[in-house]
Amino acid sequence: MWGCQSGTGHGQLFEQEEIGDRIPSQFLRLLQSLAGDTADQNIIKLMWINQLDPIRRAGIAAKPGNTKLEDLARIADNIKDAIMPEP
């Protein structure tokens, strides 16, 4: 299920993972690592986007569909910094 390596148990870890306190790019790298090389990148993208807050989701939704996932992650990282800069 989800295009992951089902025999290794990584698929279950992948599906249960949450963003928590991670920045979006860290969470994306974690999902990619858990999913392995054979995972469908569209599934990873969907799982990743579903864990983002609504402001970040809206921000990256405005980008063209051919934008690389890593670039979307950097944009999502920067959205919070632009809205709520740390002191």
Protein backbone atom coordinates (compact mmCIF):
# COMPACT_ATOMS: atom_id res chain seq x y z
CA MET A 1 0.00 0.00 0.00
CA TRP A 2 1.10 3.60 -0.65
CA GLY A 3 3.80 2.42 -3.06
CA CYS A 4 6.19 1.49 -0.28
CA GLN A 5 8.20 -1.62 0.40
CA SER A 6 5.55 -3.60 2.19
CA GLY A 7 7.77 -6.53 3.13
CA THR A 8 10.14 -4.49 5.27
CA GLY A 9 7.67 -2.77 7.56
CA HIS A 10 8.78 0.61 6.26
CA GLY A 11 5.39 1.15 4.63
CA GLN A 12 3.62 1.08 7.98
CA LEU A 13 6.15 3.50 9.49
CA PHE A 14 5.74 5.75 6.48
CA GLU A 15 1.96 5.86 6.78
CA GLN A 16 2.00 6.57 10.53
CA GLU A 17 4.60 9.32 10.46
CA GLU A 18 3.56 12.87 11.43
CA ILE A 19 5.33 16.17 10.89
CA GLY A 20 5.41 17.08 14.60
CA ASP A 21 8.02 19.78 15.28
CA ARG A 22 9.96 19.13 12.09
CA ILE A 23 10.26 21.75 9.40
CA PRO A 24 8.65 20.67 6.11
CA SER A 25 11.94 19.87 4.36
CA GLN A 26 13.06 17.64 7.27
CA PHE A 27 9.75 15.81 7.22
CA LEU A 28 9.95 15.31 3.46
CA ARG A 29 13.44 13.79 3.77
CA LEU A 30 12.17 11.48 6.50
CA LEU A 31 9.23 10.30 4.37
CA GLN A 32 11.53 9.74 1.39
CA SER A 33 13.92 7.77 3.56
CA LEU A 34 11.17 5.59 5.03
CA ALA A 35 9.53 5.04 1.65
CA GLY A 36 12.69 3.91 -0.08
CA ASP A 37 13.84 4.32 -3.66
CA THR A 38 10.95 2.40 -5.20
CA ALA A 39 8.17 4.55 -3.73
CA ASP A 40 5.89 6.59 -5.97
CA GLN A 41 6.91 10.24 -5.56
CA ASN A 42 3.28 11.33 -6.01
CA ILE A 43 2.30 9.30 -2.95
CA ILE A 44 5.14 10.85 -0.93
CA LYS A 45 4.03 14.30 -2.09
CA LEU A 46 0.43 13.63 -1.10
CA MET A 47 1.42 12.29 2.35
CA TRP A 48 3.74 15.26 2.87
CA ILE A 49 1.23 17.92 1.79
CA ASN A 50 -1.48 16.40 3.98
CA GLN A 51 0.72 16.98 7.03
CA LEU A 52 1.34 20.67 6.31
CA ASP A 53 -0.66 23.39 8.00
CA PRO A 54 -3.28 25.21 5.86
CA ILE A 55 -1.12 28.32 5.35
CA ARG A 56 1.79 26.33 3.95
CA ARG A 57 -0.55 24.19 1.84
CA ALA A 58 -2.08 27.32 0.32
CA GLY A 59 1.35 28.81 -0.33
CA ILE A 60 2.68 25.84 -2.23
CA ALA A 61 -0.62 25.28 -4.06
CA ALA A 62 0.10 28.45 -6.01
CA LYS A 63 3.25 26.92 -7.52
CA PRO A 64 3.17 25.22 -10.95
CA GLY A 65 2.52 21.48 -10.96
CA ASN A 66 5.98 20.73 -12.33
CA THR A 67 7.78 22.31 -9.35
CA LYS A 68 10.18 19.81 -7.79
CA LEU A 69 9.11 18.42 -4.43
CA GLU A 70 12.37 19.55 -2.81
CA ASP A 71 11.70 23.10 -4.04
CA LEU A 72 8.18 22.97 -2.60
CA ALA A 73 9.69 21.89 0.72
CA ARG A 74 12.04 24.88 0.75
CA ILE A 75 9.12 27.19 -0.04
CA ALA A 76 7.08 25.64 2.78
CA ASP A 77 10.04 26.12 5.14
CA ASN A 78 10.19 29.80 4.21
CA ILE A 79 6.46 30.50 4.53
CA LYS A 80 6.44 30.37 8.33
CA ASP A 81 9.59 32.49 8.49
CA ALA A 82 7.90 35.15 6.36
CA ILE A 83 4.70 35.13 8.39
CA MET A 84 6.10 34.64 11.88
CA PRO A 85 9.81 35.49 11.97
CA GLU A 86 11.66 34.36 15.06
CA PRO A 87 12.90 37.15 17.34
